[in-house]
Amino acid sequence: MDEFLKKIESQLVEYSVLPVEYKKLLDDMILSNAKRIRPRLAYLVVRACGENVSNEQIKLISAGEILHTASLIHDDIIDNSDIRRGIETINKKFDSKLAVVTGDLLAAEGLKKILALKNIEILNLFQNTFKDMCESEIYQYFTRGEIPNFENYLDKTSKKTGALFAAILEGTAILSQRLNRKLLRDIGLAFGIAFQIRNDLNAYEDNNNQDRLNKIYTAPDIFYSEYKDFQISIEKTNDLIDNEVRKVLDIIKDFPSNEYKEELIRMVKESLCKRTK
């Protein structure tokens, strides 16, 4: 895993020539305190299925991580965030104008890596995924202050976070031609939805969370609007997370028995569950 993550990170900072001081700052932001949850998940899924991770798959996974970073920079502008991974955001240290262009630069670099794979299926997959991510942010902007229904919330969560997890795993399957692309996509989508709901719940339990300041309402807010009880809203949100986790584990259980499968199960539970069912 360590060697794999080193290869991923070496590709995350291959972007165009920038002023030396600014490139160092951007490198630090990209490389510091990142969980690399998407690359870790992709690596373990591929290895659990009995395959090695190819150089092409590494390029695809790194492209997905670059697109994710681009979306974070744009998120920080929209949310007026000051800190990201313990470091001042670009919009805070400089201004939103530079941050917009930097996010665009990284998006272009991510798509450049996708194009280099010369696979039209993967290109279409990531183009549609990035479009979904942008649409979800636009929807969120125009529905601030409104408590959504569950259908709209889950649709936004699927597009905002689940879609990129799904695209990375499905893309690795396309490049393999032996992995089941539907099963891998289903793992990525369910994992990504659960991951976002977990983040939403963590934010809900924080009195100073950015979502509340920006009047962005999520799953626990929906439950609270119905039950008027803080603890019940937390329990119901955990139930929602557990439902997505079960989808992932139900697929993984049919994988061959090996150390990577066990590590994958452990990662799913540790990343997503505060309780075990």
C-alpha atoms as a PDB file:
ATOM      1  CA  MET A   1       0.000   0.000   0.000  1.00  0.00           C
ATOM      2  CA  ASP A   2       2.752   2.486   0.948  1.00  0.00           C
ATOM      3  CA  GLU A   3       4.532   2.104  -2.385  1.00  0.00           C
ATOM      4  CA  PHE A   4       1.236   2.477  -4.226  1.00  0.00           C
ATOM      5  CA  LEU A   5       0.373   5.694  -2.345  1.00  0.00           C
ATOM      6  CA  LYS A   6       3.829   7.115  -3.097  1.00  0.00           C
ATOM      7  CA  LYS A   7       3.200   6.548  -6.811  1.00  0.00           C
ATOM      8  CA  ILE A   8      -0.194   8.228  -6.525  1.00  0.00           C
ATOM      9  CA  GLU A   9       1.181  11.262  -4.691  1.00  0.00           C
ATOM     10  CA  SER A  10       4.063  11.678  -7.123  1.00  0.00           C
ATOM     11  CA  GLN A  11       1.466  12.147  -9.874  1.00  0.00           C
ATOM     12  CA  LEU A  12      -0.619  14.635  -7.905  1.00  0.00           C
ATOM     13  CA  VAL A  13       1.989  17.394  -8.198  1.00  0.00           C
ATOM     14  CA  GLU A  14       2.875  17.075 -11.880  1.00  0.00           C
ATOM     15  CA  TYR A  15       0.871  20.139 -12.862  1.00  0.00           C
ATOM     16  CA  SER A  16       2.116  22.944 -15.077  1.00  0.00           C
ATOM     17  CA  VAL A  17       4.978  25.264 -14.168  1.00  0.00           C
ATOM     18  CA  LEU A  18       3.988  27.754 -11.459  1.00  0.00           C
ATOM     19  CA  PRO A  19       5.856  30.384  -9.443  1.00  0.00           C
ATOM     20  CA  VAL A  20       8.151  28.430  -7.078  1.00  0.00           C
ATOM     21  CA  GLU A  21       6.678  29.826  -3.849  1.00  0.00           C
ATOM     22  CA  TYR A  22       3.110  29.190  -4.960  1.00  0.00           C
ATOM     23  CA  LYS A  23       3.882  25.681  -6.245  1.00  0.00           C
ATOM     24  CA  LYS A  24       5.318  24.776  -2.837  1.00  0.00           C
ATOM     25  CA  LEU A  25       2.213  26.057  -1.101  1.00  0.00           C
ATOM     26  CA  LEU A  26      -0.023  24.113  -3.478  1.00  0.00           C
ATOM     27  CA  ASP A  27       2.113  20.976  -3.090  1.00  0.00           C
ATOM     28  CA  ASP A  28       1.784  21.252   0.689  1.00  0.00           C
ATOM     29  CA  MET A  29      -1.976  21.648   0.460  1.00  0.00           C
ATOM     30  CA  ILE A  30      -2.331  18.622  -1.826  1.00  0.00           C
ATOM     31  CA  LEU A  31       0.062  16.329   0.041  1.00  0.00           C
ATOM     32  CA  SER A  32      -0.489  17.287   3.691  1.00  0.00           C
ATOM     33  CA  ASN A  33      -2.861  15.399   6.005  1.00  0.00           C
ATOM     34  CA  ALA A  34      -4.814  13.772   3.168  1.00  0.00           C
ATOM     35  CA  LYS A  35      -6.522  10.472   3.999  1.00  0.00           C
ATOM     36  CA  ARG A  36      -6.335   9.242   0.374  1.00  0.00           C
ATOM     37  CA  ILE A  37      -9.543   7.358   1.034  1.00  0.00           C
ATOM     38  CA  ARG A  38     -10.366   6.931  -2.681  1.00  0.00           C
ATOM     39  CA  PRO A  39      -6.954   5.537  -3.686  1.00  0.00           C
ATOM     40  CA  ARG A  40      -6.893   3.262  -0.633  1.00  0.00           C
ATOM     41  CA  LEU A  41     -10.333   1.911  -1.449  1.00  0.00           C
ATOM     42  CA  ALA A  42      -9.463   1.347  -5.110  1.00  0.00           C
ATOM     43  CA  TYR A  43      -6.201  -0.397  -4.245  1.00  0.00           C
ATOM     44  CA  LEU A  44      -7.795  -2.767  -1.745  1.00  0.00           C
ATOM     45  CA  VAL A  45     -10.724  -3.602  -4.015  1.00  0.00           C
ATOM     46  CA  VAL A  46      -8.460  -4.463  -6.956  1.00  0.00           C
ATOM     47  CA  ARG A  47      -6.074  -6.497  -4.783  1.00  0.00           C
ATOM     48  CA  ALA A  48      -8.945  -8.240  -2.976  1.00  0.00           C
ATOM     49  CA  CYS A  49     -10.222  -9.346  -6.395  1.00  0.00           C
ATOM     50  CA  GLY A  50      -6.874 -11.048  -6.992  1.00  0.00           C
ATOM     51  CA  GLU A  51      -5.286  -8.534  -9.376  1.00  0.00           C
ATOM     52  CA  ASN A  52      -2.288  -6.230  -9.220  1.00  0.00           C
ATOM     53  CA  VAL A  53      -2.821  -2.499  -9.747  1.00  0.00           C
ATOM     54  CA  SER A  54      -1.526  -1.548 -13.193  1.00  0.00           C
ATOM     55  CA  ASN A  55       0.274   1.656 -14.148  1.00  0.00           C
ATOM     56  CA  GLU A  56      -2.776   2.708 -16.155  1.00  0.00           C
ATOM     57  CA  GLN A  57      -5.003   2.200 -13.114  1.00  0.00           C
ATOM     58  CA  ILE A  58      -2.597   4.273 -11.020  1.00  0.00           C
ATOM     59  CA  LYS A  59      -2.889   7.098 -13.559  1.00  0.00           C
ATOM     60  CA  LEU A  60      -6.671   6.883 -13.449  1.00  0.00           C
ATOM     61  CA  ILE A  61      -6.818   6.808  -9.649  1.00  0.00           C
ATOM     62  CA  SER A  62      -4.448   9.785  -9.406  1.00  0.00           C
ATOM     63  CA  ALA A  63      -6.604  11.678 -11.926  1.00  0.00           C
ATOM     64  CA  GLY A  64      -9.634  11.056  -9.729  1.00  0.00           C
ATOM     65  CA  GLU A  65      -7.741  12.347  -6.699  1.00  0.00           C
ATOM     66  CA  ILE A  66      -6.706  15.499  -8.601  1.00  0.00           C
ATOM     67  CA  LEU A  67     -10.325  16.153  -9.612  1.00  0.00           C
ATOM     68  CA  HIS A  68     -11.321  15.681  -5.984  1.00  0.00           C
ATOM     69  CA  THR A  69      -8.722  18.254  -4.891  1.00  0.00           C
ATOM     70  CA  ALA A  70      -9.975  20.698  -7.516  1.00  0.00           C
ATOM     71  CA  SER A  71     -13.494  20.324  -6.135  1.00  0.00           C
ATOM     72  CA  LEU A  72     -12.234  20.976  -2.590  1.00  0.00           C
ATOM     73  CA  ILE A  73     -10.623  24.257  -3.654  1.00  0.00           C
ATOM     74  CA  HIS A  74     -13.886  25.347  -5.263  1.00  0.00           C
ATOM     75  CA  ASP A  75     -15.826  24.196  -2.171  1.00  0.00           C
ATOM     76  CA  ASP A  76     -13.609  26.361   0.033  1.00  0.00           C
ATOM     77  CA  ILE A  77     -14.477  29.408  -2.071  1.00  0.00           C
ATOM     78  CA  ILE A  78     -18.215  28.699  -1.962  1.00  0.00           C
ATOM     79  CA  ASP A  79     -18.182  28.005   1.792  1.00  0.00           C
ATOM     80  CA  ASN A  80     -15.746  30.830   2.682  1.00  0.00           C
ATOM     81  CA  SER A  81     -13.549  28.255   4.438  1.00  0.00           C
ATOM     82  CA  ASP A  82     -10.320  29.419   6.074  1.00  0.00           C
ATOM     83  CA  ILE A  83      -8.646  26.074   6.814  1.00  0.00           C
ATOM     84  CA  ARG A  84      -8.290  22.866   4.817  1.00  0.00           C
ATOM     85  CA  ARG A  85      -6.310  19.899   6.235  1.00  0.00           C
ATOM     86  CA  GLY A  86      -4.795  22.183   8.860  1.00  0.00           C
ATOM     87  CA  ILE A  87      -3.483  24.646   6.257  1.00  0.00           C
ATOM     88  CA  GLU A  88      -4.847  28.032   5.201  1.00  0.00           C
ATOM     89  CA  THR A  89      -7.041  27.724   2.145  1.00  0.00           C
ATOM     90  CA  ILE A  90      -5.962  29.445  -1.060  1.00  0.00           C
ATOM     91  CA  ASN A  91      -8.938  31.801  -0.929  1.00  0.00           C
ATOM     92  CA  LYS A  92      -7.964  32.811   2.626  1.00  0.00           C
ATOM     93  CA  LYS A  93      -4.197  33.197   2.052  1.00  0.00           C
ATOM     94  CA  PHE A  94      -4.604  34.924  -1.301  1.00  0.00           C
ATOM     95  CA  ASP A  95      -8.085  35.543  -2.691  1.00  0.00           C
ATOM     96  CA  SER A  96     -10.994  33.739  -4.352  1.00  0.00           C
ATOM     97  CA  LYS A  97      -9.852  34.827  -7.835  1.00  0.00           C
ATOM     98  CA  LEU A  98      -6.597  32.893  -7.558  1.00  0.00           C
ATOM     99  CA  ALA A  99      -8.398  29.978  -5.921  1.00  0.00           C
ATOM    100  CA  VAL A 100     -10.889  29.701  -8.811  1.00  0.00           C
ATOM    101  CA  VAL A 101      -8.083  29.560 -11.377  1.00  0.00           C
ATOM    102  CA  THR A 102      -6.121  27.049  -9.275  1.00  0.00           C
ATOM    103  CA  GLY A 103      -9.134  24.764  -9.013  1.00  0.00           C
ATOM    104  CA  ASP A 104      -9.611  25.060 -12.773  1.00  0.00           C
ATOM    105  CA  LEU A 105      -5.932  24.254 -13.346  1.00  0.00           C
ATOM    106  CA  LEU A 106      -6.153  21.069 -11.276  1.00  0.00           C
ATOM    107  CA  ALA A 107      -9.380  20.042 -13.016  1.00  0.00           C
ATOM    108  CA  ALA A 108      -7.591  20.461 -16.357  1.00  0.00           C
ATOM    109  CA  GLU A 109      -4.629  18.412 -15.119  1.00  0.00           C
ATOM    110  CA  GLY A 110      -6.936  15.641 -13.937  1.00  0.00           C
ATOM    111  CA  LEU A 111      -8.750  15.511 -17.267  1.00  0.00           C
ATOM    112  CA  LYS A 112      -5.390  15.574 -19.079  1.00  0.00           C
ATOM    113  CA  LYS A 113      -4.459  12.335 -17.300  1.00  0.00           C
ATOM    114  CA  ILE A 114      -7.814  10.818 -18.244  1.00  0.00           C
ATOM    115  CA  LEU A 115      -7.293  11.788 -21.896  1.00  0.00           C
ATOM    116  CA  ALA A 116      -3.835  10.187 -21.849  1.00  0.00           C
ATOM    117  CA  LEU A 117      -5.475   6.812 -21.187  1.00  0.00           C
ATOM    118  CA  LYS A 118      -7.037   7.022 -24.691  1.00  0.00           C
ATOM    119  CA  ASN A 119     -10.205   5.264 -23.592  1.00  0.00           C
ATOM    120  CA  ILE A 120     -13.467   6.894 -24.693  1.00  0.00           C
ATOM    121  CA  GLU A 121     -15.541   4.981 -22.107  1.00  0.00           C
ATOM    122  CA  ILE A 122     -13.425   6.325 -19.270  1.00  0.00           C
ATOM    123  CA  LEU A 123     -13.422   9.831 -20.736  1.00  0.00           C
ATOM    124  CA  ASN A 124     -17.230   9.829 -20.911  1.00  0.00           C
ATOM    125  CA  LEU A 125     -17.448   8.359 -17.420  1.00  0.00           C
ATOM    126  CA  PHE A 126     -15.354  11.112 -15.841  1.00  0.00           C
ATOM    127  CA  GLN A 127     -16.903  13.892 -17.913  1.00  0.00           C
ATOM    128  CA  ASN A 128     -20.358  12.877 -16.669  1.00  0.00           C
ATOM    129  CA  THR A 129     -19.052  12.479 -13.129  1.00  0.00           C
ATOM    130  CA  PHE A 130     -17.503  15.957 -13.035  1.00  0.00           C
ATOM    131  CA  LYS A 131     -20.719  17.376 -14.474  1.00  0.00           C
ATOM    132  CA  ASP A 132     -22.713  15.655 -11.705  1.00  0.00           C
ATOM    133  CA  MET A 133     -20.376  17.094  -9.061  1.00  0.00           C
ATOM    134  CA  CYS A 134     -20.831  20.613 -10.423  1.00  0.00           C
ATOM    135  CA  GLU A 135     -24.612  20.229 -10.706  1.00  0.00           C
ATOM    136  CA  SER A 136     -24.832  19.106  -7.077  1.00  0.00           C
ATOM    137  CA  GLU A 137     -22.957  22.225  -5.935  1.00  0.00           C
ATOM    138  CA  ILE A 138     -25.262  24.453  -7.964  1.00  0.00           C
ATOM    139  CA  TYR A 139     -28.310  22.704  -6.517  1.00  0.00           C
ATOM    140  CA  GLN A 140     -26.900  23.095  -3.003  1.00  0.00           C
ATOM    141  CA  TYR A 141     -26.305  26.816  -3.558  1.00  0.00           C
ATOM    142  CA  PHE A 142     -29.881  27.489  -4.633  1.00  0.00           C
ATOM    143  CA  THR A 143     -31.449  25.388  -1.851  1.00  0.00           C
ATOM    144  CA  ARG A 144     -29.566  26.897   1.090  1.00  0.00           C
ATOM    145  CA  GLY A 145     -31.860  27.532   3.999  1.00  0.00           C
ATOM    146  CA  GLU A 146     -34.248  24.766   2.904  1.00  0.00           C
ATOM    147  CA  ILE A 147     -34.539  21.370   4.583  1.00  0.00           C
ATOM    148  CA  PRO A 148     -34.589  18.931   1.642  1.00  0.00           C
ATOM    149  CA  ASN A 149     -36.601  15.742   1.355  1.00  0.00           C
ATOM    150  CA  PHE A 150     -34.646  12.485   1.444  1.00  0.00           C
ATOM    151  CA  GLU A 151     -34.929  11.873  -2.283  1.00  0.00           C
ATOM    152  CA  ASN A 152     -33.263  15.199  -3.091  1.00  0.00           C
ATOM    153  CA  TYR A 153     -30.692  14.837  -0.317  1.00  0.00           C
ATOM    154  CA  LEU A 154     -29.605  11.366  -1.437  1.00  0.00           C
ATOM    155  CA  ASP A 155     -29.506  12.455  -5.078  1.00  0.00           C
ATOM    156  CA  LYS A 156     -27.265  15.393  -4.173  1.00  0.00           C
ATOM    157  CA  THR A 157     -25.077  13.155  -1.989  1.00  0.00           C
ATOM    158  CA  SER A 158     -24.760  10.605  -4.773  1.00  0.00           C
ATOM    159  CA  LYS A 159     -23.660  13.246  -7.277  1.00  0.00           C
ATOM    160  CA  LYS A 160     -21.505  15.316  -4.929  1.00  0.00           C
ATOM    161  CA  THR A 161     -19.468  12.476  -3.408  1.00  0.00           C
ATOM    162  CA  GLY A 162     -20.650   9.031  -4.424  1.00  0.00           C
ATOM    163  CA  ALA A 163     -20.192   9.617  -8.148  1.00  0.00           C
ATOM    164  CA  LEU A 164     -16.418  10.139  -7.959  1.00  0.00           C
ATOM    165  CA  PHE A 165     -15.872   7.071  -5.763  1.00  0.00           C
ATOM    166  CA  ALA A 166     -17.974   5.105  -8.256  1.00  0.00           C
ATOM    167  CA  ALA A 167     -16.153   6.459 -11.316  1.00  0.00           C
ATOM    168  CA  ILE A 168     -12.711   5.637  -9.937  1.00  0.00           C
ATOM    169  CA  LEU A 169     -13.663   2.044  -9.153  1.00  0.00           C
ATOM    170  CA  GLU A 170     -15.587   1.571 -12.389  1.00  0.00           C
ATOM    171  CA  GLY A 171     -12.672   3.044 -14.326  1.00  0.00           C
ATOM    172  CA  THR A 172     -10.232   0.570 -12.779  1.00  0.00           C
ATOM    173  CA  ALA A 173     -12.582  -2.240 -13.861  1.00  0.00           C
ATOM    174  CA  ILE A 174     -12.735  -0.920 -17.437  1.00  0.00           C
ATOM    175  CA  LEU A 175      -8.949  -0.873 -17.609  1.00  0.00           C
ATOM    176  CA  SER A 176      -8.741  -4.390 -16.205  1.00  0.00           C
ATOM    177  CA  GLN A 177     -11.379  -5.923 -18.514  1.00  0.00           C
ATOM    178  CA  ARG A 178     -11.628  -8.772 -15.990  1.00  0.00           C
ATOM    179  CA  LEU A 179     -13.084  -6.978 -12.983  1.00  0.00           C
ATOM    180  CA  ASN A 180     -16.871  -6.630 -12.788  1.00  0.00           C
ATOM    181  CA  ARG A 181     -17.465  -2.953 -13.515  1.00  0.00           C
ATOM    182  CA  LYS A 182     -21.037  -2.915 -12.159  1.00  0.00           C
ATOM    183  CA  LEU A 183     -20.040  -4.469  -8.840  1.00  0.00           C
ATOM    184  CA  LEU A 184     -17.096  -2.104  -8.446  1.00  0.00           C
ATOM    185  CA  ARG A 185     -19.275   0.874  -9.324  1.00  0.00           C
ATOM    186  CA  ASP A 186     -21.865  -0.253  -6.757  1.00  0.00           C
ATOM    187  CA  ILE A 187     -19.160  -0.499  -4.075  1.00  0.00           C
ATOM    188  CA  GLY A 188     -17.879   2.983  -4.893  1.00  0.00           C
ATOM    189  CA  LEU A 189     -21.321   4.566  -4.968  1.00  0.00           C
ATOM    190  CA  ALA A 190     -22.508   3.054  -1.672  1.00  0.00           C
ATOM    191  CA  PHE A 191     -19.169   3.765   0.039  1.00  0.00           C
ATOM    192  CA  GLY A 192     -19.167   7.363  -1.224  1.00  0.00           C
ATOM    193  CA  ILE A 193     -22.745   8.009  -0.097  1.00  0.00           C
ATOM    194  CA  ALA A 194     -22.008   6.579   3.356  1.00  0.00           C
ATOM    195  CA  PHE A 195     -18.777   8.599   3.534  1.00  0.00           C
ATOM    196  CA  GLN A 196     -20.614  11.855   2.812  1.00  0.00           C
ATOM    197  CA  ILE A 197     -23.433  11.099   5.261  1.00  0.00           C
ATOM    198  CA  ARG A 198     -20.808  10.333   7.930  1.00  0.00           C
ATOM    199  CA  ASN A 199     -19.175  13.711   7.235  1.00  0.00           C
ATOM    200  CA  ASP A 200     -22.587  15.385   7.399  1.00  0.00           C
ATOM    201  CA  LEU A 201     -23.290  13.718  10.745  1.00  0.00           C
ATOM    202  CA  ASN A 202     -19.898  14.729  12.154  1.00  0.00           C
ATOM    203  CA  ALA A 203     -20.622  18.302  11.085  1.00  0.00           C
ATOM    204  CA  TYR A 204     -24.093  18.157  12.656  1.00  0.00           C
ATOM    205  CA  GLU A 205     -22.594  17.175  16.017  1.00  0.00           C
ATOM    206  CA  ASP A 206     -20.198  20.147  15.858  1.00  0.00           C
ATOM    207  CA  ASN A 207     -21.873  23.334  17.130  1.00  0.00           C
ATOM    208  CA  ASN A 208     -19.540  25.495  15.021  1.00  0.00           C
ATOM    209  CA  ASN A 209     -19.800  23.506  11.799  1.00  0.00           C
ATOM    210  CA  GLN A 210     -19.551  25.245   8.435  1.00  0.00           C
ATOM    211  CA  ASP A 211     -22.718  23.648   7.060  1.00  0.00           C
ATOM    212  CA  ARG A 212     -24.851  25.191   9.783  1.00  0.00           C
ATOM    213  CA  LEU A 213     -23.233  28.589   9.235  1.00  0.00           C
ATOM    214  CA  ASN A 214     -24.005  28.298   5.517  1.00  0.00           C
ATOM    215  CA  LYS A 215     -27.547  27.014   6.133  1.00  0.00           C
ATOM    216  CA  ILE A 216     -26.857  23.719   4.383  1.00  0.00           C
ATOM    217  CA  TYR A 217     -29.144  21.055   5.846  1.00  0.00           C
ATOM    218  CA  THR A 218     -28.388  17.359   5.672  1.00  0.00           C
ATOM    219  CA  ALA A 219     -29.698  13.955   6.833  1.00  0.00           C
ATOM    220  CA  PRO A 220     -29.730  14.606  10.599  1.00  0.00           C
ATOM    221  CA  ASP A 221     -31.505  17.926  10.009  1.00  0.00           C
ATOM    222  CA  ILE A 222     -34.157  16.107   7.992  1.00  0.00           C
ATOM    223  CA  PHE A 223     -34.662  13.606  10.817  1.00  0.00           C
ATOM    224  CA  TYR A 224     -34.720  16.401  13.410  1.00  0.00           C
ATOM    225  CA  SER A 225     -37.420  18.228  11.473  1.00  0.00           C
ATOM    226  CA  GLU A 226     -39.550  15.084  11.818  1.00  0.00           C
ATOM    227  CA  TYR A 227     -38.727  13.848  15.336  1.00  0.00           C
ATOM    228  CA  LYS A 228     -37.633  17.079  17.108  1.00  0.00           C
ATOM    229  CA  ASP A 229     -35.045  15.075  19.049  1.00  0.00           C
ATOM    230  CA  PHE A 230     -31.270  15.494  18.656  1.00  0.00           C
ATOM    231  CA  GLN A 231     -30.340  11.933  19.693  1.00  0.00           C
ATOM    232  CA  ILE A 232     -32.994  10.313  17.525  1.00  0.00           C
ATOM    233  CA  SER A 233     -31.774  12.295  14.517  1.00  0.00           C
ATOM    234  CA  ILE A 234     -28.251  10.982  15.150  1.00  0.00           C
ATOM    235  CA  GLU A 235     -29.448   7.380  15.528  1.00  0.00           C
ATOM    236  CA  LYS A 236     -31.571   7.559  12.384  1.00  0.00           C
ATOM    237  CA  THR A 237     -28.637   9.001  10.424  1.00  0.00           C
ATOM    238  CA  ASN A 238     -26.418   6.187  11.659  1.00  0.00           C
ATOM    239  CA  ASP A 239     -29.076   3.763  10.408  1.00  0.00           C
ATOM    240  CA  LEU A 240     -28.837   5.424   7.003  1.00  0.00           C
ATOM    241  CA  ILE A 241     -25.058   4.995   6.985  1.00  0.00           C
ATOM    242  CA  ASP A 242     -25.332   1.366   8.099  1.00  0.00           C
ATOM    243  CA  ASN A 243     -27.675   0.659   5.194  1.00  0.00           C
ATOM    244  CA  GLU A 244     -25.040   1.807   2.673  1.00  0.00           C
ATOM    245  CA  VAL A 245     -22.291  -0.046   4.537  1.00  0.00           C
ATOM    246  CA  ARG A 246     -24.283  -3.277   4.312  1.00  0.00           C
ATOM    247  CA  LYS A 247     -24.508  -2.819   0.532  1.00  0.00           C
ATOM    248  CA  VAL A 248     -20.709  -2.636   0.355  1.00  0.00           C
ATOM    249  CA  LEU A 249     -20.125  -5.596   2.687  1.00  0.00           C
ATOM    250  CA  ASP A 250     -22.685  -7.730   0.865  1.00  0.00           C
ATOM    251  CA  ILE A 251     -20.650  -7.372  -2.333  1.00  0.00           C
ATOM    252  CA  ILE A 252     -17.266  -7.847  -0.644  1.00  0.00           C
ATOM    253  CA  LYS A 253     -18.334 -11.067   1.096  1.00  0.00           C
ATOM    254  CA  ASP A 254     -18.224 -12.900  -2.249  1.00  0.00           C
ATOM    255  CA  PHE A 255     -14.642 -11.809  -2.984  1.00  0.00           C
ATOM    256  CA  PRO A 256     -11.885 -14.465  -2.704  1.00  0.00           C
ATOM    257  CA  SER A 257     -10.564 -14.947   0.831  1.00  0.00           C
ATOM    258  CA  ASN A 258      -7.263 -13.089   1.201  1.00  0.00           C
ATOM    259  CA  GLU A 259      -5.525 -10.479   3.336  1.00  0.00           C
ATOM    260  CA  TYR A 260      -6.700  -7.625   1.119  1.00  0.00           C
ATOM    261  CA  LYS A 261     -10.338  -8.603   1.542  1.00  0.00           C
ATOM    262  CA  GLU A 262      -9.898  -8.556   5.336  1.00  0.00           C
ATOM    263  CA  GLU A 263      -8.167  -5.174   5.190  1.00  0.00           C
ATOM    264  CA  LEU A 264     -10.914  -3.856   2.910  1.00  0.00           C
ATOM    265  CA  ILE A 265     -13.633  -4.931   5.351  1.00  0.00           C
ATOM    266  CA  ARG A 266     -11.701  -3.328   8.198  1.00  0.00           C
ATOM    267  CA  MET A 267     -11.291  -0.090   6.241  1.00  0.00           C
ATOM    268  CA  VAL A 268     -15.006   0.077   5.414  1.00  0.00           C
ATOM    269  CA  LYS A 269     -15.992  -0.348   9.051  1.00  0.00           C
ATOM    270  CA  GLU A 270     -13.360   1.989  10.478  1.00  0.00           C
ATOM    271  CA  SER A 271     -14.011   4.726   7.904  1.00  0.00           C
ATOM    272  CA  LEU A 272     -17.781   4.701   8.058  1.00  0.00           C
ATOM    273  CA  CYS A 273     -19.079   3.122  11.251  1.00  0.00           C
ATOM    274  CA  LYS A 274     -19.188   4.502  14.766  1.00  0.00           C
ATOM    275  CA  ARG A 275     -21.096   1.399  15.777  1.00  0.00           C
ATOM    276  CA  THR A 276     -20.978  -2.158  14.448  1.00  0.00           C
ATOM    277  CA  LYS A 277     -24.088  -4.065  13.433  1.00  0.00           C
END
